[in-house]
Amino acid sequence: MDDSFEFDGKVPPSFDRMDVEAKGLNPGLIVLLIVGGLLLTFLVGNYVLYLYAQKTLPPRKKKPVSKKKMKKEKLKQGVSAPGE
């Protein structure tokens, strides 16, 4: 067996916590923070636009109900339609 691969209880430098301070932030963490920040910005922006649109835009007009549909609804309710 080759004894050069044993760590003898030592922590490899890649897992050493003190090494992180010298190297800076993990690149994966930086990417995660950027993507998370962009996603959060997008969602917050959409919500702000939604609130702005609710305040400023007039409410949608409902489509006019046809006379046939009015008759059907009245017959369902048991009320005779006008003109009958």
N, C-alpha and C. Protein backbone atom coordinates (compact mmCIF):
# COMPACT_ATOMS: atom_id res chain seq x y z
N MET A 1 0.84 -1.20 0.00
CA MET A 1 0.00 0.00 0.00
C MET A 1 0.87 1.25 0.00
N ASP A 2 0.36 2.27 -0.64
CA ASP A 2 1.10 3.53 -0.73
C ASP A 2 0.67 4.45 0.42
N ASP A 3 1.60 4.83 1.28
CA ASP A 3 1.27 5.66 2.43
C ASP A 3 1.22 7.14 2.11
N SER A 4 1.50 7.56 0.90
CA SER A 4 1.51 8.99 0.56
C SER A 4 0.10 9.56 0.48
N PHE A 5 -0.94 8.69 0.38
CA PHE A 5 -2.31 9.17 0.22
C PHE A 5 -3.00 9.38 1.57
N GLU A 6 -2.40 8.91 2.67
CA GLU A 6 -3.03 9.06 3.97
C GLU A 6 -2.90 10.51 4.46
N PHE A 7 -3.96 10.96 5.15
CA PHE A 7 -3.95 12.34 5.64
C PHE A 7 -3.38 12.45 7.04
N ASP A 8 -3.31 11.33 7.78
CA ASP A 8 -2.82 11.31 9.15
C ASP A 8 -3.57 12.29 10.05
N GLY A 9 -4.90 12.40 9.85
CA GLY A 9 -5.71 13.26 10.71
C GLY A 9 -5.66 14.72 10.32
N LYS A 10 -4.90 15.07 9.30
CA LYS A 10 -4.84 16.47 8.86
C LYS A 10 -6.00 16.76 7.91
N VAL A 11 -6.48 17.98 7.93
CA VAL A 11 -7.57 18.39 7.04
C VAL A 11 -6.95 18.88 5.74
N PRO A 12 -7.43 18.41 4.60
CA PRO A 12 -6.88 18.91 3.33
C PRO A 12 -7.13 20.41 3.18
N PRO A 13 -6.24 21.10 2.50
CA PRO A 13 -6.35 22.56 2.41
C PRO A 13 -7.65 23.04 1.76
N SER A 14 -8.26 22.24 0.88
CA SER A 14 -9.49 22.68 0.23
C SER A 14 -10.66 22.73 1.21
N PHE A 15 -10.56 21.97 2.33
CA PHE A 15 -11.63 21.96 3.31
C PHE A 15 -11.28 22.82 4.53
N ASP A 16 -10.17 23.49 4.50
CA ASP A 16 -9.75 24.31 5.63
C ASP A 16 -10.56 25.61 5.64
N ARG A 17 -11.21 25.91 6.76
CA ARG A 17 -12.05 27.10 6.85
C ARG A 17 -11.23 28.39 6.82
N MET A 18 -10.00 28.34 7.30
CA MET A 18 -9.16 29.54 7.32
C MET A 18 -8.74 29.93 5.90
N ASP A 19 -8.77 28.99 5.00
CA ASP A 19 -8.37 29.25 3.61
C ASP A 19 -9.42 30.09 2.88
N VAL A 20 -10.67 30.06 3.35
CA VAL A 20 -11.75 30.78 2.67
C VAL A 20 -11.54 32.28 2.77
N GLU A 21 -11.04 32.73 3.91
CA GLU A 21 -10.84 34.17 4.08
C GLU A 21 -9.78 34.70 3.12
N ALA A 22 -8.75 33.95 2.90
CA ALA A 22 -7.68 34.40 2.02
C ALA A 22 -8.12 34.37 0.55
N LYS A 23 -8.96 33.39 0.20
CA LYS A 23 -9.37 33.22 -1.20
C LYS A 23 -10.52 34.15 -1.56
N GLY A 24 -11.33 34.57 -0.61
CA GLY A 24 -12.49 35.38 -0.90
C GLY A 24 -13.73 34.52 -0.93
N LEU A 25 -14.81 35.07 -1.48
CA LEU A 25 -16.07 34.33 -1.52
C LEU A 25 -16.02 33.22 -2.55
N ASN A 26 -16.78 32.21 -2.30
CA ASN A 26 -16.91 31.08 -3.21
C ASN A 26 -17.59 31.55 -4.51
N PRO A 27 -17.04 31.24 -5.68
CA PRO A 27 -17.67 31.69 -6.94
C PRO A 27 -19.10 31.17 -7.11
N GLY A 28 -19.36 29.97 -6.63
CA GLY A 28 -20.72 29.43 -6.71
C GLY A 28 -21.69 30.26 -5.89
N LEU A 29 -21.22 30.73 -4.73
CA LEU A 29 -22.06 31.58 -3.88
C LEU A 29 -22.34 32.91 -4.55
N ILE A 30 -21.34 33.46 -5.22
CA ILE A 30 -21.52 34.74 -5.92
C ILE A 30 -22.58 34.59 -7.01
N VAL A 31 -22.50 33.52 -7.79
CA VAL A 31 -23.49 33.29 -8.86
C VAL A 31 -24.88 33.13 -8.24
N LEU A 32 -24.97 32.37 -7.15
CA LEU A 32 -26.24 32.15 -6.49
C LEU A 32 -26.83 33.47 -5.99
N LEU A 33 -26.00 34.30 -5.42
CA LEU A 33 -26.47 35.59 -4.92
C LEU A 33 -26.94 36.49 -6.06
N ILE A 34 -26.21 36.49 -7.17
CA ILE A 34 -26.60 37.32 -8.32
C ILE A 34 -27.94 36.85 -8.89
N VAL A 35 -28.07 35.54 -9.11
CA VAL A 35 -29.31 35.00 -9.67
C VAL A 35 -30.47 35.24 -8.70
N GLY A 36 -30.23 35.00 -7.42
CA GLY A 36 -31.28 35.24 -6.42
C GLY A 36 -31.67 36.71 -6.36
N GLY A 37 -30.69 37.59 -6.44
CA GLY A 37 -30.98 39.02 -6.42
C GLY A 37 -31.78 39.46 -7.64
N LEU A 38 -31.42 38.93 -8.80
CA LEU A 38 -32.17 39.28 -10.02
C LEU A 38 -33.61 38.77 -9.95
N LEU A 39 -33.77 37.55 -9.46
CA LEU A 39 -35.12 36.98 -9.34
C LEU A 39 -35.96 37.79 -8.35
N LEU A 40 -35.36 38.15 -7.23
CA LEU A 40 -36.07 38.93 -6.24
C LEU A 40 -36.45 40.30 -6.79
N THR A 41 -35.52 40.93 -7.52
CA THR A 41 -35.78 42.23 -8.13
C THR A 41 -36.93 42.13 -9.13
N PHE A 42 -36.93 41.06 -9.93
CA PHE A 42 -37.98 40.86 -10.92
C PHE A 42 -39.34 40.72 -10.25
N LEU A 43 -39.41 39.90 -9.20
CA LEU A 43 -40.68 39.67 -8.52
C LEU A 43 -41.18 40.94 -7.82
N VAL A 44 -40.28 41.65 -7.16
CA VAL A 44 -40.67 42.88 -6.47
C VAL A 44 -41.12 43.93 -7.49
N GLY A 45 -40.40 44.02 -8.62
CA GLY A 45 -40.79 44.96 -9.67
C GLY A 45 -42.16 44.65 -10.24
N ASN A 46 -42.43 43.37 -10.46
CA ASN A 46 -43.74 42.98 -10.97
C ASN A 46 -44.84 43.35 -9.99
N TYR A 47 -44.59 43.13 -8.72
CA TYR A 47 -45.60 43.45 -7.70
C TYR A 47 -45.86 44.95 -7.64
N VAL A 48 -44.79 45.75 -7.72
CA VAL A 48 -44.94 47.21 -7.70
C VAL A 48 -45.72 47.68 -8.92
N LEU A 49 -45.40 47.12 -10.11
CA LEU A 49 -46.15 47.48 -11.31
C LEU A 49 -47.62 47.08 -11.19
N TYR A 50 -47.87 45.92 -10.60
CA TYR A 50 -49.24 45.46 -10.41
C TYR A 50 -50.02 46.44 -9.53
N LEU A 51 -49.40 46.86 -8.42
CA LEU A 51 -50.07 47.80 -7.52
C LEU A 51 -50.32 49.14 -8.24
N TYR A 52 -49.34 49.59 -9.00
CA TYR A 52 -49.47 50.85 -9.74
C TYR A 52 -50.61 50.76 -10.75
N ALA A 53 -50.69 49.63 -11.47
CA ALA A 53 -51.73 49.45 -12.48
C ALA A 53 -53.10 49.38 -11.82
N GLN A 54 -53.20 48.76 -10.66
CA GLN A 54 -54.49 48.68 -9.98
C GLN A 54 -55.00 50.06 -9.60
N LYS A 55 -54.09 50.95 -9.24
CA LYS A 55 -54.50 52.29 -8.82
C LYS A 55 -54.83 53.18 -10.01
N THR A 56 -54.06 53.08 -11.08
CA THR A 56 -54.17 54.06 -12.16
C THR A 56 -55.08 53.63 -13.31
N LEU A 57 -55.10 52.35 -13.65
CA LEU A 57 -55.90 51.92 -14.79
C LEU A 57 -57.37 51.82 -14.40
N PRO A 58 -58.26 52.19 -15.32
CA PRO A 58 -59.69 52.03 -15.00
C PRO A 58 -60.06 50.56 -14.96
N PRO A 59 -61.10 50.21 -14.22
CA PRO A 59 -61.50 48.80 -14.18
C PRO A 59 -62.00 48.34 -15.55
N ARG A 60 -61.82 47.04 -15.81
CA ARG A 60 -62.23 46.50 -17.10
C ARG A 60 -63.74 46.52 -17.24
N LYS A 61 -64.18 46.83 -18.45
CA LYS A 61 -65.62 46.80 -18.71
C LYS A 61 -66.03 45.35 -18.94
N LYS A 62 -67.19 45.00 -18.38
CA LYS A 62 -67.69 43.64 -18.59
C LYS A 62 -68.33 43.57 -19.97
N LYS A 63 -68.24 42.40 -20.58
CA LYS A 63 -68.86 42.21 -21.88
C LYS A 63 -70.37 42.28 -21.71
N PRO A 64 -71.09 42.91 -22.66
CA PRO A 64 -72.55 42.94 -22.55
C PRO A 64 -73.13 41.54 -22.72
N VAL A 65 -74.11 41.23 -21.91
CA VAL A 65 -74.74 39.92 -21.96
C VAL A 65 -75.81 39.97 -23.04
N SER A 66 -75.84 38.94 -23.91
CA SER A 66 -76.81 38.92 -25.01
C SER A 66 -78.22 38.67 -24.47
N LYS A 67 -79.22 39.07 -25.27
CA LYS A 67 -80.61 38.90 -24.84
C LYS A 67 -80.97 37.43 -24.70
N LYS A 68 -80.40 36.57 -25.54
CA LYS A 68 -80.66 35.13 -25.43
C LYS A 68 -80.21 34.61 -24.06
N LYS A 69 -79.00 35.03 -23.67
CA LYS A 69 -78.48 34.58 -22.37
C LYS A 69 -79.33 35.12 -21.24
N MET A 70 -79.81 36.35 -21.39
CA MET A 70 -80.66 36.94 -20.35
C MET A 70 -81.93 36.10 -20.20
N LYS A 71 -82.52 35.71 -21.33
CA LYS A 71 -83.74 34.89 -21.31
C LYS A 71 -83.47 33.56 -20.62
N LYS A 72 -82.36 32.91 -20.99
CA LYS A 72 -82.02 31.61 -20.41
C LYS A 72 -81.85 31.73 -18.90
N GLU A 73 -81.13 32.75 -18.46
CA GLU A 73 -80.91 32.94 -17.02
C GLU A 73 -82.23 33.16 -16.30
N LYS A 74 -83.11 33.96 -16.88
CA LYS A 74 -84.39 34.24 -16.22
C LYS A 74 -85.24 32.98 -16.16
N LEU A 75 -85.22 32.16 -17.24
CA LEU A 75 -85.99 30.92 -17.25
C LEU A 75 -85.45 29.95 -16.19
N LYS A 76 -84.13 29.92 -16.02
CA LYS A 76 -83.54 29.06 -14.99
C LYS A 76 -84.01 29.46 -13.61
N GLN A 77 -84.14 30.76 -13.38
CA GLN A 77 -84.53 31.25 -12.07
C GLN A 77 -86.05 31.16 -11.86
N GLY A 78 -86.78 30.87 -12.92
CA GLY A 78 -88.23 30.74 -12.79
C GLY A 78 -88.98 32.03 -12.99
N VAL A 79 -88.30 33.09 -13.41
CA VAL A 79 -88.96 34.37 -13.65
C VAL A 79 -89.21 34.46 -15.15
N SER A 80 -90.40 34.88 -15.53
CA SER A 80 -90.68 35.00 -16.95
C SER A 80 -89.93 36.19 -17.54
N ALA A 81 -89.37 35.99 -18.74
CA ALA A 81 -88.61 37.05 -19.38
C ALA A 81 -89.56 38.13 -19.86
N PRO A 82 -89.12 39.38 -19.89
CA PRO A 82 -90.01 40.47 -20.33
C PRO A 82 -90.37 40.27 -21.82
N GLY A 83 -91.60 40.62 -22.15
CA GLY A 83 -92.05 40.51 -23.54
C GLY A 83 -92.64 39.16 -23.86
N GLU A 84 -92.87 38.32 -22.87
CA GLU A 84 -93.44 37.00 -23.16
C GLU A 84 -94.87 36.95 -22.68
